[in-house]
Amino acid sequence: MSVSTDMEELSTSISKCNALLELNLSGCSNLQELPTSSCQLITLQELNLSRCLSLQKLPTSIGQLCALQNLHLWGCSSLQELPTSIGQLSALQNLDLCKCSSLQKLPTSIEQLNALQNLDLKECSSLQKLPTSIGQLNALQNLHFNKCSSLQELPTSIGQLSAFQNLHLSWCSKLQELPTSIGQLSALQNLHLNECSSLQELPTSIGQFSALQNLHLNDCSSLQELPTSIGQLNALQNLHLNSCWNLQELPTSIGQFNALENLHLNECSSLQELPTSIGQLSALQNLHLNRCWNLQELPTSIGQLNALQNLHLDKCSSLQELPTSIGQLSALQNLHLNECSSLQELPTPIGQLSAFQNLDLCKCSSLQKLLTYIGQLSALQNLDLNGCSSLQELPTSIWQLNALENLHLNNCSSL
């Protein structure tokens, strides 16, 4: 049977379904065009054309689907454009264009989609910019641009999206800056900019994000600093800056994060110190500084982090000592110092950590001894001393560790 005959039969079948609510044609890889009759289904609420690899365009008559709420075009890799009539879909709430790798632009008429809540443009690798009219989408809550590798900028009008809650721009490698107007997104809760390798700075207006809870900047390798205004993010709970290799310092204003629970700075290899103001992070529970090779010390103020439960300092090879104030971390449960090769000893006040459960000193090759204080860690369950090649002896107080379940001493060649 020929393709044209198949289309005729499909069109005839569809035309008989006057009350159809859902039409699923996903995976029809040879489908080149949508039957005109499908656009006469005025009751249709969901149209799924995902993985229709040969589909190059949608019919102009698609604007007649007045009840359509969900349009799935995921993986339509041959689709180059959307018809202007798509703006007539007044009931449309979800538009999925993920992996439409040939799509170069969106029509200006998209501004008419007053009910649109979710717009997914992930992996639209040919998309270079958005129409200014996108700012008219008053109901839009979620916008996904992950892996839009050709996207160079966002329109200023994006600041008009008053209902906007989630903005995903991870792996947009050509994105160099964010518009100042982005600070007007008063409802924004999540901003993901992971692996935006060309992004050099954040606009000062970012401090206006009064509802922002999560800021992800992992692998932003060109980012050199954060604006002072970032301290105004009173609702921020999670700040991820892993692998920001050129980030040399954190602003003093970081101490204003009253709600911050998690701070991730793994592989920030240019970071040499933390600001004293970090001690003001009263809600901080997790601090990750793994592989910060140039970090030489921690500020004394770190002892003020009363909520801190986990401190990760693995492979901080320049760290020679810990401040004595670390003994004030009454909630600390886990301390990871794996491969801190310059660390020679632990401060005596560490014995005051009554909640302490796990101490990882694996491959701390310069550590020569543990002092008697170690026996005071009444809650300690795991002590890892593997590869501590300079460790010559264990204090007799170690037998006071009544909660100890695991003691690792492999490759302690001087013991």
Protein backbone atom coordinates (compact mmCIF):
# COMPACT_ATOMS: atom_id res chain seq x y z
CA MET A 1 0.00 0.00 0.00
CA SER A 2 1.40 3.44 -0.92
CA VAL A 3 2.01 6.23 1.57
CA SER A 4 -0.68 8.36 -0.11
CA THR A 5 -3.21 5.55 0.27
CA ASP A 6 -2.28 5.20 3.93
CA MET A 7 -2.83 8.93 4.40
CA GLU A 8 -6.22 8.80 2.74
CA GLU A 9 -7.35 5.96 4.99
CA LEU A 10 -6.01 7.73 8.09
CA SER A 11 -7.77 10.94 7.09
CA THR A 12 -11.04 9.12 6.49
CA SER A 13 -10.82 7.32 9.84
CA ILE A 14 -10.10 10.51 11.73
CA SER A 15 -12.93 12.40 10.11
CA LYS A 16 -15.41 9.91 11.59
CA CYS A 17 -14.25 10.60 15.17
CA ASN A 18 -16.31 13.65 15.95
CA ALA A 19 -15.87 13.43 19.75
CA LEU A 20 -12.20 12.39 19.85
CA LEU A 21 -10.31 13.74 22.89
CA GLU A 22 -6.84 12.31 22.22
CA LEU A 23 -4.98 11.51 19.01
CA ASN A 24 -1.69 9.63 19.40
CA LEU A 25 0.47 9.26 16.31
CA SER A 26 3.78 9.07 18.16
CA GLY A 27 6.49 6.99 16.55
CA CYS A 28 5.01 7.22 13.03
CA SER A 29 8.44 7.81 11.58
CA ASN A 30 7.24 7.94 7.93
CA LEU A 31 4.47 10.48 8.58
CA GLN A 32 5.36 13.56 6.49
CA GLU A 33 2.29 15.66 7.12
CA LEU A 34 -0.71 15.72 9.40
CA PRO A 35 -4.04 14.85 7.75
CA THR A 36 -6.15 17.97 7.25
CA SER A 37 -9.14 16.17 8.74
CA SER A 38 -7.38 16.00 12.12
CA CYS A 39 -7.64 19.76 12.40
CA GLN A 40 -11.44 19.51 12.29
CA LEU A 41 -11.52 17.68 15.64
CA ILE A 42 -12.86 20.57 17.65
CA THR A 43 -13.10 18.41 20.82
CA LEU A 44 -9.46 17.23 20.64
CA GLN A 45 -7.55 17.98 23.85
CA GLU A 46 -4.27 16.14 23.26
CA LEU A 47 -2.28 15.63 20.06
CA ASN A 48 0.85 13.47 20.29
CA LEU A 49 3.20 13.57 17.30
CA SER A 50 6.36 12.64 19.20
CA ARG A 51 9.10 10.92 17.19
CA CYS A 52 7.44 11.60 13.84
CA LEU A 53 10.88 11.89 12.32
CA SER A 54 9.73 12.78 8.78
CA LEU A 55 7.24 15.47 9.79
CA GLN A 56 8.48 18.74 8.29
CA LYS A 57 5.58 21.07 9.02
CA LEU A 58 2.16 21.35 10.60
CA PRO A 59 -0.91 22.37 8.57
CA THR A 60 -2.10 25.96 8.82
CA SER A 61 -5.50 24.62 9.83
CA ILE A 62 -4.10 23.40 13.18
CA GLY A 63 -5.29 26.67 14.61
CA GLN A 64 -8.84 25.29 14.46
CA LEU A 65 -8.19 22.91 17.37
CA CYS A 66 -9.87 25.25 19.83
CA ALA A 67 -9.95 22.68 22.70
CA LEU A 68 -6.34 21.48 22.36
CA GLN A 69 -4.50 21.58 25.69
CA ASN A 70 -1.41 19.44 25.00
CA LEU A 71 0.69 19.36 21.84
CA HIS A 72 3.60 16.92 21.84
CA LEU A 73 6.21 17.30 19.10
CA TRP A 74 9.10 15.70 20.98
CA GLY A 75 11.78 14.32 18.67
CA CYS A 76 10.31 15.72 15.42
CA SER A 77 13.80 16.26 14.11
CA SER A 78 12.70 17.35 10.60
CA LEU A 79 10.30 20.04 11.80
CA GLN A 80 11.73 23.40 10.71
CA GLU A 81 9.01 25.84 11.74
CA LEU A 82 5.59 26.22 13.32
CA PRO A 83 2.70 27.83 11.42
CA THR A 84 1.56 31.30 12.46
CA SER A 85 -1.88 29.84 13.13
CA ILE A 86 -0.53 28.05 16.22
CA GLY A 87 -1.24 31.28 18.07
CA GLN A 88 -4.97 30.52 17.71
CA LEU A 89 -4.73 27.55 20.13
CA SER A 90 -6.32 29.51 22.94
CA ALA A 91 -6.64 26.47 25.28
CA LEU A 92 -3.06 25.19 24.84
CA GLN A 93 -1.31 24.62 28.18
CA ASN A 94 1.66 22.43 27.25
CA LEU A 95 3.84 22.68 24.16
CA ASP A 96 6.62 20.09 23.93
CA LEU A 97 9.23 20.79 21.24
CA CYS A 98 12.06 18.88 22.87
CA LYS A 99 14.66 17.53 20.39
CA CYS A 100 13.21 19.41 17.42
CA SER A 101 16.77 19.85 16.21
CA SER A 102 15.85 21.55 12.90
CA LEU A 103 13.58 24.18 14.45
CA GLN A 104 15.23 27.55 13.88
CA LYS A 105 12.67 29.96 15.28
CA LEU A 106 9.27 30.35 16.91
CA PRO A 107 6.51 32.40 15.25
CA THR A 108 5.69 35.81 16.69
CA SER A 109 2.09 34.66 17.09
CA ILE A 110 3.15 32.55 20.08
CA GLU A 111 2.26 35.61 22.16
CA GLN A 112 -1.42 34.73 21.72
CA LEU A 113 -1.13 31.48 23.73
CA ASN A 114 -2.69 32.99 26.85
CA ALA A 115 -3.17 29.61 28.59
CA LEU A 116 0.33 28.25 27.93
CA GLN A 117 2.00 27.09 31.17
CA ASN A 118 4.85 24.87 29.97
CA LEU A 119 7.13 25.38 26.97
CA ASP A 120 9.80 22.73 26.44
CA LEU A 121 12.56 23.57 23.95
CA LYS A 122 15.26 21.23 25.23
CA GLU A 123 17.84 20.18 22.62
CA CYS A 124 16.49 22.51 19.93
CA SER A 125 20.05 22.86 18.74
CA SER A 126 19.26 25.13 15.75
CA LEU A 127 17.30 27.69 17.78
CA GLN A 128 19.32 30.90 18.02
CA LYS A 129 16.89 33.30 19.63
CA LEU A 130 13.35 33.78 20.86
CA PRO A 131 10.77 36.24 19.52
CA THR A 132 10.26 39.34 21.63
CA SER A 133 6.59 38.43 21.80
CA ILE A 134 7.38 35.60 24.26
CA GLY A 135 7.05 38.18 27.01
CA GLN A 136 3.28 38.20 26.44
CA LEU A 137 2.83 34.63 27.78
CA ASN A 138 1.29 35.70 31.06
CA ALA A 139 0.46 32.15 32.24
CA LEU A 140 3.88 30.63 31.46
CA GLN A 141 5.42 28.92 34.50
CA ASN A 142 8.13 26.67 33.07
CA LEU A 143 10.55 27.28 30.23
CA HIS A 144 13.18 24.67 29.33
CA PHE A 145 16.14 25.50 27.08
CA ASN A 146 18.62 22.80 28.14
CA LYS A 147 21.13 21.94 25.39
CA CYS A 148 20.02 24.72 23.04
CA SER A 149 23.60 24.95 21.86
CA SER A 150 22.98 27.78 19.34
CA LEU A 151 21.04 30.06 21.70
CA GLN A 152 23.03 33.26 22.16
CA GLU A 153 20.69 35.52 24.09
CA LEU A 154 17.33 35.93 25.76
CA PRO A 155 14.98 38.77 24.77
CA THR A 156 14.54 41.64 27.20
CA SER A 157 10.82 40.91 27.20
CA ILE A 158 11.40 37.76 29.25
CA GLY A 159 11.19 39.94 32.32
CA GLN A 160 7.45 40.37 31.69
CA LEU A 161 6.67 36.72 32.54
CA SER A 162 5.06 37.48 35.88
CA ALA A 163 3.94 33.86 36.57
CA PHE A 164 7.31 32.35 35.64
CA GLN A 165 8.65 29.83 38.22
CA ASN A 166 11.29 27.69 36.49
CA LEU A 167 13.96 28.65 33.95
CA HIS A 168 16.27 25.92 32.65
CA LEU A 169 19.21 27.03 30.49
CA SER A 170 21.77 24.32 31.23
CA TRP A 171 24.26 23.41 28.45
CA CYS A 172 23.52 26.60 26.49
CA SER A 173 27.19 26.91 25.65
CA LYS A 174 26.90 30.12 23.56
CA LEU A 175 24.89 32.10 26.07
CA GLN A 176 27.16 34.93 27.24
CA GLU A 177 24.84 36.98 29.41
CA LEU A 178 21.39 37.31 30.87
CA PRO A 179 19.29 40.43 30.26
CA THR A 180 18.96 42.87 33.15
CA SER A 181 15.19 42.54 32.88
CA ILE A 182 15.43 38.99 34.23
CA GLY A 183 15.36 40.47 37.71
CA GLN A 184 11.68 41.29 37.21
CA LEU A 185 10.74 37.59 37.41
CA SER A 186 9.30 37.95 40.90
CA ALA A 187 7.82 34.41 40.96
CA LEU A 188 11.00 32.61 39.78
CA GLN A 189 11.91 29.73 42.11
CA ASN A 190 14.48 27.75 40.11
CA LEU A 191 17.23 29.01 37.81
CA HIS A 192 19.47 26.37 36.17
CA LEU A 193 22.53 27.55 34.24
CA ASN A 194 24.73 24.45 34.46
CA GLU A 195 27.50 24.23 31.84
CA CYS A 196 26.82 27.65 30.33
CA SER A 197 30.52 27.79 29.56
CA SER A 198 30.44 31.26 27.90
CA LEU A 199 28.58 32.98 30.75
CA GLN A 200 31.01 35.44 32.33
CA GLU A 201 28.79 37.22 34.83
CA LEU A 202 25.33 37.50 36.29
CA PRO A 203 23.38 40.77 36.12
CA THR A 204 23.12 42.84 39.28
CA SER A 205 19.36 42.60 38.98
CA ILE A 206 19.54 38.95 40.07
CA GLY A 207 19.21 40.21 43.61
CA GLN A 208 15.56 41.02 42.91
CA PHE A 209 14.62 37.32 42.80
CA SER A 210 12.65 37.39 46.04
CA ALA A 211 11.21 33.87 45.52
CA LEU A 212 14.33 32.11 44.16
CA GLN A 213 15.07 28.88 46.04
CA ASN A 214 17.56 27.08 43.78
CA LEU A 215 20.44 28.56 41.77
CA HIS A 216 22.56 26.08 39.80
CA LEU A 217 25.74 27.34 38.12
CA ASN A 218 27.74 24.12 37.90
CA ASP A 219 30.48 24.08 35.23
CA CYS A 220 30.14 27.76 34.35
CA SER A 221 33.84 27.78 33.62
CA SER A 222 34.02 31.44 32.48
CA LEU A 223 32.28 32.84 35.56
CA GLN A 224 34.79 34.87 37.54
CA GLU A 225 32.66 36.47 40.23
CA LEU A 226 29.19 36.80 41.66
CA PRO A 227 27.49 40.19 42.01
CA THR A 228 27.22 41.62 45.53
CA SER A 229 23.46 41.81 45.03
CA ILE A 230 23.25 38.02 45.23
CA GLY A 231 23.09 38.39 49.01
CA GLN A 232 19.57 39.76 48.66
CA LEU A 233 18.21 36.31 47.73
CA ASN A 234 16.44 35.78 51.04
CA ALA A 235 14.60 32.62 49.94
CA LEU A 236 17.65 30.85 48.43
CA GLN A 237 18.06 27.32 49.81
CA ASN A 238 20.54 25.74 47.37
CA LEU A 239 23.53 27.34 45.66
CA HIS A 240 25.56 25.07 43.35
CA LEU A 241 28.84 26.40 41.93
CA ASN A 242 30.65 23.13 41.26
CA SER A 243 33.50 23.32 38.69
CA CYS A 244 33.42 27.10 38.36
CA TRP A 245 37.17 26.98 37.77
CA ASN A 246 37.69 30.74 37.34
CA LEU A 247 35.68 31.78 40.39
CA GLN A 248 38.30 33.39 42.64
CA GLU A 249 36.18 34.55 45.55
CA LEU A 250 32.71 34.77 46.99
CA PRO A 251 31.18 38.16 47.81
CA THR A 252 30.93 39.14 51.48
CA SER A 253 27.19 39.51 50.98
CA ILE A 254 26.87 35.72 50.89
CA GLY A 255 26.47 35.90 54.66
CA GLN A 256 22.98 37.36 54.15
CA PHE A 257 21.58 34.02 52.92
CA ASN A 258 19.28 33.35 55.85
CA ALA A 259 17.59 30.33 54.22
CA LEU A 260 20.63 28.70 52.53
CA GLU A 261 20.89 24.99 53.41
CA ASN A 262 23.31 23.67 50.77
CA LEU A 263 26.43 25.34 49.37
CA HIS A 264 28.35 23.33 46.75
CA LEU A 265 31.77 24.62 45.65
CA ASN A 266 33.41 21.39 44.47
CA GLU A 267 36.29 21.86 42.00
CA CYS A 268 36.41 25.64 42.33
CA SER A 269 40.14 25.38 41.79
CA SER A 270 40.85 29.15 41.82
CA LEU A 271 39.16 29.65 45.18
CA GLN A 272 41.78 30.32 47.86
CA GLU A 273 39.61 31.34 50.79
CA LEU A 274 36.07 31.83 52.00
CA PRO A 275 34.72 35.15 53.26
CA THR A 276 34.43 35.55 57.03
CA SER A 277 30.74 36.28 56.54
CA ILE A 278 30.12 32.59 55.78
CA GLY A 279 29.73 32.09 59.51
CA GLN A 280 26.42 33.97 59.34
CA LEU A 281 24.73 31.19 57.34
CA SER A 282 22.60 30.05 60.24
CA ALA A 283 20.57 27.51 58.17
CA LEU A 284 23.52 25.91 56.33
CA GLN A 285 23.51 22.11 56.66
CA ASN A 286 25.89 20.99 53.89
CA LEU A 287 29.13 22.61 52.74
CA HIS A 288 30.96 20.92 49.86
CA LEU A 289 34.50 22.06 48.98
CA ASN A 290 35.90 18.88 47.44
CA ARG A 291 38.87 19.33 45.08
CA CYS A 292 39.36 23.02 45.86
CA TRP A 293 43.08 22.49 45.37
CA ASN A 294 44.13 26.08 46.17
CA LEU A 295 42.03 26.47 49.31
CA GLN A 296 44.58 27.10 52.05
CA GLU A 297 42.42 27.68 55.11
CA LEU A 298 38.92 27.97 56.49
CA PRO A 299 37.83 31.13 58.31
CA THR A 300 37.49 30.98 62.09
CA SER A 301 33.88 32.06 61.68
CA ILE A 302 33.01 28.60 60.33
CA GLY A 303 32.52 27.56 63.94
CA GLN A 304 29.33 29.66 64.01
CA LEU A 305 27.52 27.33 61.61
CA ASN A 306 25.27 25.79 64.23
CA ALA A 307 23.16 23.83 61.71
CA LEU A 308 26.08 22.37 59.72
CA GLN A 309 25.85 18.58 59.49
CA ASN A 310 28.21 17.72 56.62
CA LEU A 311 31.56 19.27 55.74
CA HIS A 312 33.30 17.89 52.63
CA LEU A 313 36.92 18.87 52.01
CA ASP A 314 38.18 15.88 50.00
CA LYS A 315 41.33 16.49 47.93
CA CYS A 316 41.93 20.02 49.22
CA SER A 317 45.64 19.43 48.83
CA SER A 318 46.73 22.93 49.99
CA LEU A 319 44.76 22.82 53.24
CA GLN A 320 47.28 22.57 56.08
CA GLU A 321 45.06 22.91 59.12
CA LEU A 322 41.53 23.34 60.38
CA PRO A 323 40.55 26.24 62.68
CA THR A 324 40.08 25.37 66.34
CA SER A 325 36.57 26.85 66.10
CA ILE A 326 35.50 23.69 64.27
CA GLY A 327 34.92 22.23 67.71
CA GLN A 328 31.87 24.51 68.03
CA LEU A 329 29.98 22.74 65.24
CA SER A 330 27.58 20.99 67.58
CA ALA A 331 25.43 19.52 64.75
CA LEU A 332 28.33 18.21 62.64
CA GLN A 333 27.93 14.53 61.79
CA ASN A 334 30.30 13.97 58.87
CA LEU A 335 33.74 15.38 58.12
CA HIS A 336 35.44 14.29 54.89
CA LEU A 337 39.14 15.08 54.49
CA ASN A 338 40.05 12.40 51.97
CA GLU A 339 43.44 13.12 50.29
CA CYS A 340 44.10 16.37 52.13
CA SER A 341 47.77 15.64 51.66
CA SER A 342 49.09 18.77 53.45
CA LEU A 343 47.03 18.30 56.61
CA GLN A 344 49.37 17.43 59.49
CA GLU A 345 47.00 17.29 62.45
CA LEU A 346 43.46 17.89 63.63
CA PRO A 347 42.70 20.59 66.20
CA THR A 348 42.11 19.41 69.78
CA PRO A 349 38.59 20.95 70.07
CA ILE A 350 37.33 18.45 67.50
CA GLY A 351 36.80 16.16 70.48
CA GLN A 352 33.84 18.35 71.48
CA LEU A 353 31.76 17.20 68.50
CA SER A 354 29.14 15.19 70.35
CA ALA A 355 27.05 14.44 67.22
CA PHE A 356 30.06 13.36 65.13
CA GLN A 357 29.51 10.00 63.35
CA ASN A 358 31.93 9.76 60.41
CA LEU A 359 35.53 10.94 60.08
CA ASP A 360 37.24 10.31 56.74
CA LEU A 361 41.01 10.89 56.77
CA CYS A 362 41.84 8.48 53.95
CA LYS A 363 45.17 9.26 52.23
CA CYS A 364 46.01 12.20 54.48
CA SER A 365 49.64 11.36 53.86
CA SER A 366 51.10 14.12 56.10
CA LEU A 367 49.02 13.21 59.17
CA GLN A 368 51.46 11.94 61.77
CA LYS A 369 49.31 11.35 64.82
CA LEU A 370 45.90 11.55 66.41
CA LEU A 371 45.76 13.18 69.81
CA THR A 372 43.98 11.84 72.89
CA TYR A 373 40.89 13.95 72.14
CA ILE A 374 39.78 11.38 69.56
CA GLY A 375 38.46 9.21 72.37
CA GLN A 376 35.87 11.87 73.29
CA LEU A 377 33.92 11.35 70.08
CA SER A 378 31.24 9.27 71.75
CA ALA A 379 28.98 9.04 68.65
CA LEU A 380 31.74 8.17 66.16
CA GLN A 381 30.78 5.14 64.04
CA ASN A 382 33.28 5.20 61.17
CA LEU A 383 36.95 6.20 61.22
CA ASP A 384 38.82 5.87 57.91
CA LEU A 385 42.63 6.15 58.12
CA ASN A 386 43.44 4.20 54.94
CA GLY A 387 46.66 5.35 53.31
CA CYS A 388 47.77 7.64 56.18
CA SER A 389 51.36 6.69 55.41
CA SER A 390 52.93 9.03 58.03
CA LEU A 391 50.72 7.92 60.92
CA GLN A 392 52.99 6.24 63.46
CA GLU A 393 50.63 5.34 66.30
CA LEU A 394 47.08 5.44 67.59
CA PRO A 395 46.26 6.95 70.97
CA THR A 396 45.07 4.52 73.65
CA SER A 397 41.94 6.64 74.01
CA ILE A 398 40.68 5.15 70.77
CA TRP A 399 39.32 2.24 72.84
CA GLN A 400 36.84 4.68 74.41
CA LEU A 401 34.94 4.93 71.13
CA ASN A 402 32.02 2.76 72.23
CA ALA A 403 29.93 3.52 69.09
CA LEU A 404 32.74 2.74 66.62
CA GLU A 405 31.67 0.16 64.03
CA ASN A 406 34.33 0.53 61.31
CA LEU A 407 38.04 1.29 61.65
CA HIS A 408 40.09 1.31 58.42
CA LEU A 409 43.89 1.23 58.66
CA ASN A 410 44.92 -0.22 55.29
CA ASN A 411 48.27 0.99 53.91
CA CYS A 412 49.26 2.84 57.07
CA SER A 413 52.87 1.86 56.38
CA SER A 414 54.43 3.75 59.35
CA LEU A 415 51.99 2.45 61.95
